[in-house]
Protein backbone atom coordinates (compact mmCIF):
# COMPACT_ATOMS: atom_id res chain seq x y z
CA UNK A 1 0.03 0.15 0.02
CA UNK A 2 1.05 3.25 -0.71
CA UNK A 3 0.20 6.87 0.01
CA UNK A 4 0.72 10.19 -2.14
CA UNK A 5 -0.17 13.24 -0.33
CA UNK A 6 1.15 16.32 -1.50
CA UNK A 7 -1.66 18.67 -2.70
CA UNK A 8 -2.74 19.58 0.90
CA UNK A 9 -0.81 21.05 3.47
CA UNK A 10 0.19 17.76 5.43
CA UNK A 11 1.48 17.47 9.12
CA UNK A 12 3.29 14.38 10.05
CA UNK A 13 5.01 12.34 12.25
CA UNK A 14 5.81 8.36 13.01
CA UNK A 15 2.73 6.58 11.12
CA UNK A 16 0.62 10.14 11.01
CA UNK A 17 -0.83 12.56 9.12
CA UNK A 18 -3.16 15.19 9.34
CA UNK A 19 -4.33 18.52 7.59
CA UNK A 20 -6.86 21.09 8.71
CA UNK A 21 -8.09 21.76 11.69
CA UNK A 22 -10.19 20.97 15.26
CA UNK A 23 -11.83 23.26 17.70
CA UNK A 24 -11.40 22.76 20.74
CA UNK A 25 -12.88 24.92 23.04
CA UNK A 26 -11.87 28.22 22.07
CA UNK A 27 -8.31 26.94 20.98
CA UNK A 28 -7.99 26.16 17.17
CA UNK A 29 -5.50 22.70 16.84
CA UNK A 30 -3.46 22.62 14.00
CA UNK A 31 -0.02 20.86 12.64
CA UNK A 32 1.32 19.28 16.12
CA UNK A 33 -1.29 19.85 17.90
CA UNK A 34 -3.79 18.04 15.66
CA UNK A 35 -1.54 15.33 15.16
CA UNK A 36 -0.90 14.76 19.03
CA UNK A 37 -4.75 14.74 19.16
CA UNK A 38 -4.70 11.41 16.80
CA UNK A 39 -1.58 10.26 18.49
CA UNK A 40 -2.60 7.77 21.02
CA UNK A 41 -4.76 5.89 18.95
CA UNK A 42 -4.40 2.41 18.63
CA UNK A 43 -7.66 0.61 17.74
CA UNK A 44 -10.68 1.52 15.41
CA UNK A 45 -13.08 1.85 17.66
CA UNK A 46 -10.48 4.73 19.53
CA UNK A 47 -10.33 6.06 15.64
CA UNK A 48 -13.93 6.04 15.73
CA UNK A 49 -14.29 8.02 19.09
CA UNK A 50 -11.31 10.80 18.43
CA UNK A 51 -13.41 11.27 15.10
CA UNK A 52 -16.81 11.74 16.98
CA UNK A 53 -15.26 14.30 19.55
CA UNK A 54 -13.76 16.07 16.70
CA UNK A 55 -15.21 19.13 15.67
CA UNK A 56 -13.45 21.41 12.62
CA UNK A 57 -12.22 20.48 8.56
CA UNK A 58 -9.78 17.50 8.85
CA UNK A 59 -8.29 14.63 7.03
CA UNK A 60 -6.22 11.86 8.95
CA UNK A 61 -4.32 8.78 7.66
CA UNK A 62 -2.54 6.83 10.12
CA UNK A 63 -0.43 4.02 8.62
CA UNK A 64 -0.97 0.68 10.96
CA UNK A 65 0.93 -2.35 10.06
CA UNK A 66 -0.38 -3.68 6.79
CA UNK A 67 -2.98 -1.49 7.18
CA UNK A 68 -4.22 1.96 6.52
CA UNK A 69 -6.73 3.81 8.16
CA UNK A 70 -8.27 7.43 6.53
CA UNK A 71 -10.64 9.42 7.46
CA UNK A 72 -12.39 13.02 6.67
CA UNK A 73 -14.29 15.31 8.89
CA UNK A 74 -17.90 15.26 8.68
CA UNK A 75 -18.51 17.56 5.44
CA UNK A 76 -15.46 15.95 3.44
CA UNK A 77 -13.71 19.60 3.34
CA UNK A 78 -10.26 17.91 2.67
CA UNK A 79 -11.31 15.17 -0.04
CA UNK A 80 -9.10 11.73 0.22
CA UNK A 81 -9.22 9.23 -2.66
CA UNK A 82 -8.15 5.35 -3.27
CA UNK A 83 -7.68 2.68 -6.31
CA UNK A 84 -6.26 -0.66 -6.85
CA UNK A 85 -3.62 -0.79 -9.06
CA UNK A 86 -1.83 -4.50 -9.59
CA UNK A 87 -3.78 -5.50 -6.39
CA UNK A 88 -2.22 -2.73 -4.42
CA UNK A 89 -4.09 -0.18 -2.90
CA UNK A 90 -3.02 3.69 -3.07
CA UNK A 91 -4.17 6.60 -1.24
CA UNK A 92 -4.17 10.65 -2.38
CA UNK A 93 -5.52 13.70 -1.72
CA UNK A 94 -5.33 14.66 -5.56
CA UNK A 95 -7.85 12.18 -7.91
CA UNK A 96 -5.64 13.32 -11.14
CA UNK A 97 -2.42 11.48 -9.36
CA UNK A 98 -4.44 8.53 -9.14
CA UNK A 99 -6.05 8.57 -12.31
CA UNK A 100 -2.23 8.92 -13.94
CA UNK A 101 -1.14 6.13 -12.31
CA UNK A 102 -3.67 3.51 -13.40
CA UNK A 103 -3.33 2.35 -17.31
CA UNK A 104 -6.81 3.16 -18.28
CA UNK A 105 -9.47 5.36 -16.94
CA UNK A 106 -13.08 5.05 -17.86
CA UNK A 107 -15.60 7.63 -16.38
CA UNK A 108 -18.22 5.55 -14.30
CA UNK A 109 -21.86 6.08 -16.63
CA UNK A 110 -23.71 6.18 -13.12
CA UNK A 111 -21.89 9.04 -11.79
CA UNK A 112 -21.56 10.57 -15.11
CA UNK A 113 -25.36 11.17 -15.38
CA UNK A 114 -25.17 12.17 -11.66
CA UNK A 115 -22.76 14.83 -11.81
CA UNK A 116 -24.38 15.80 -14.90
CA UNK A 117 -27.66 16.23 -13.05
CA UNK A 118 -26.98 17.33 -10.05
CA UNK A 119 -22.95 18.48 -10.40
CA UNK A 120 -22.16 15.67 -7.37
CA UNK A 121 -21.60 11.93 -7.44
CA UNK A 122 -23.15 9.81 -5.52
CA UNK A 123 -21.71 7.69 -2.18
CA UNK A 124 -18.09 6.57 -2.45
CA UNK A 125 -17.56 7.01 -6.57
CA UNK A 126 -16.16 9.32 -8.49
CA UNK A 127 -15.95 9.97 -12.18
CA UNK A 128 -13.37 7.87 -12.95
CA UNK A 129 -14.73 3.81 -12.48
CA UNK A 130 -12.16 2.23 -9.96
CA UNK A 131 -11.46 5.40 -8.57
CA UNK A 132 -13.38 5.89 -4.65
CA UNK A 133 -13.54 8.79 -2.93
CA UNK A 134 -13.44 8.57 1.40
CA UNK A 135 -16.75 9.58 2.01
CA UNK A 136 -17.91 12.75 4.51
CA UNK A 137 -18.23 11.28 8.01
CA UNK A 138 -16.09 7.75 7.17
CA UNK A 139 -13.27 5.82 8.03
CA UNK A 140 -11.80 3.49 4.84
CA UNK A 141 -9.63 0.62 6.02
CA UNK A 142 -7.45 -0.27 3.17
CA UNK A 143 -5.56 -3.78 3.90
CA UNK A 144 -6.16 -6.88 1.69
CA UNK A 145 -9.77 -5.68 0.63
CA UNK A 146 -11.42 -2.17 1.80
CA UNK A 147 -14.00 -1.66 4.39
CA UNK A 148 -16.05 1.39 5.14
CA UNK A 149 -17.74 2.24 8.26
CA UNK A 150 -19.45 5.48 9.13
CA UNK A 151 -18.85 7.35 12.38
CA UNK A 152 -21.29 9.91 11.38
CA UNK A 153 -23.85 9.42 9.49
CA UNK A 154 -27.56 11.22 9.88
CA UNK A 155 -29.50 8.64 7.96
CA UNK A 156 -28.66 5.95 10.46
CA UNK A 157 -29.56 8.56 13.57
CA UNK A 158 -32.30 7.27 15.47
CA UNK A 159 -31.92 9.81 18.45
CA UNK A 160 -33.68 12.79 16.95
CA UNK A 161 -36.81 10.10 16.81
CA UNK A 162 -36.14 9.37 20.66
CA UNK A 163 -36.10 12.87 21.19
CA UNK A 164 -39.42 13.54 20.00
CA UNK A 165 -40.55 10.41 21.19
CA UNK A 166 -39.86 11.57 24.84
CA UNK A 167 -40.78 15.33 23.99
CA UNK A 168 -44.41 14.16 22.90
CA UNK A 169 -45.23 12.50 26.37
CA UNK A 170 -44.83 15.82 27.77
CA UNK A 171 -46.71 18.30 25.38
CA UNK A 172 -50.32 19.82 26.55
CA UNK A 173 -53.53 17.71 24.92
CA UNK A 174 -54.39 19.79 22.33
CA UNK A 175 -58.55 19.38 21.81
CA UNK A 176 -58.24 21.10 18.45
CA UNK A 177 -54.97 21.54 15.69
CA UNK A 178 -55.60 24.23 13.11
CA UNK A 179 -53.64 22.23 10.29
CA UNK A 180 -52.88 26.20 7.94
CA UNK A 181 -51.03 26.98 11.41
CA UNK A 182 -48.54 24.34 11.23
CA UNK A 183 -48.42 23.97 7.69
CA UNK A 184 -47.50 28.07 7.99
CA UNK A 185 -44.81 27.41 10.58
CA UNK A 186 -43.60 24.59 8.84
CA UNK A 187 -43.14 26.50 5.81
CA UNK A 188 -42.15 29.95 7.36
CA UNK A 189 -38.95 27.38 9.10
CA UNK A 190 -38.24 25.99 5.59
CA UNK A 191 -38.02 29.80 4.51
CA UNK A 192 -35.78 30.47 7.04
CA UNK A 193 -33.34 27.69 6.74
CA UNK A 194 -32.92 28.83 2.98
CA UNK A 195 -32.31 32.79 3.96
CA UNK A 196 -29.89 31.83 6.65
CA UNK A 197 -27.63 29.60 4.50
CA UNK A 198 -28.23 32.30 1.59
CA UNK A 199 -29.47 30.11 -0.75
CA UNK A 200 -32.12 30.18 -3.92
CA UNK A 201 -34.78 27.75 -3.71
CA UNK A 202 -35.19 27.96 -7.58
CA UNK A 203 -31.26 27.12 -7.67
CA UNK A 204 -31.60 23.79 -5.45
CA UNK A 205 -28.89 22.10 -8.13
CA UNK A 206 -26.03 24.40 -6.94
CA UNK A 207 -26.84 24.21 -3.72
CA UNK A 208 -23.26 22.02 -1.93
CA UNK A 209 -23.90 18.41 -1.09
CA UNK A 210 -23.91 18.75 2.53
CA UNK A 211 -27.10 21.41 2.69
CA UNK A 212 -28.86 19.37 0.17
CA UNK A 213 -28.16 16.50 2.76
CA UNK A 214 -29.91 18.84 5.76
CA UNK A 215 -32.60 20.32 3.60
CA UNK A 216 -33.32 16.17 3.17
CA UNK A 217 -33.75 15.65 6.53
CA UNK A 218 -35.54 18.80 7.15
CA UNK A 219 -38.24 17.82 4.68
CA UNK A 220 -38.21 13.87 5.88
CA UNK A 221 -38.73 15.43 9.52
CA UNK A 222 -41.64 17.96 8.33
CA UNK A 223 -43.28 14.40 6.50
CA UNK A 224 -43.20 12.85 9.83
CA UNK A 225 -44.47 15.65 11.55
CA UNK A 226 -47.63 15.72 9.23
CA UNK A 227 -48.19 11.72 9.51
CA UNK A 228 -48.26 12.01 13.11
CA UNK A 229 -51.17 14.40 13.60
CA UNK A 230 -52.69 13.57 10.62
CA UNK A 231 -52.70 16.55 8.77
CA UNK A 232 -53.28 17.35 5.21
CA UNK A 233 -50.82 17.71 3.06
CA UNK A 234 -51.03 20.87 0.29
CA UNK A 235 -48.68 21.05 -2.63
CA UNK A 236 -47.75 24.44 -3.36
CA UNK A 237 -46.21 25.24 -6.72
CA UNK A 238 -43.32 28.17 -4.58
CA UNK A 239 -41.64 28.20 -1.09
CA UNK A 240 -42.87 31.74 -0.87
């Protein structure tokens, strides 16, 4: 296994390489301090714990025995890519470097169509077949094979549902619920989210991927509320 990390500004010592920063209290951990944050990691569970507690924009690569552990922050600000050439995994922060190393590069048709439609590729795919990316909030282990798991995945987080269920017991009993009022509140909240993020509803295809993800879960929550309270879903042509 090989690492080619040169596009970003990396700080390294022994078997750990880091880039970016973590906010710890009011202090930014960069370079050596960021390296020290991950220096005592010896198991995957410890790695996951460190990543879950990390608040910032970073990527980290750990060479351990015959494995490479790689992870990015929950928004994938510093991307990492990998491929397999003649049975050997190669990790890099530059997908073009990996493409140059490969003897043949072909477009991934699914990624190609997704990119034309939205400006993004899905999951761990890139535009080039057999060149993959470390997903946001994920850990990738490169060994004899590749293993990937999420230390942060909102789609699998059920804590919000549990919190809603708990709070529901403490809600006062209402003799009558006005669906029009709830509809207005849901729509107002959606508009407030858009304006806060400085987004234009009609140009959704230009939104960053993490914002689209937030919007998806916001709409999913609204649907759950509507179904829970048996409200009437009204379809509108605009958000205004």
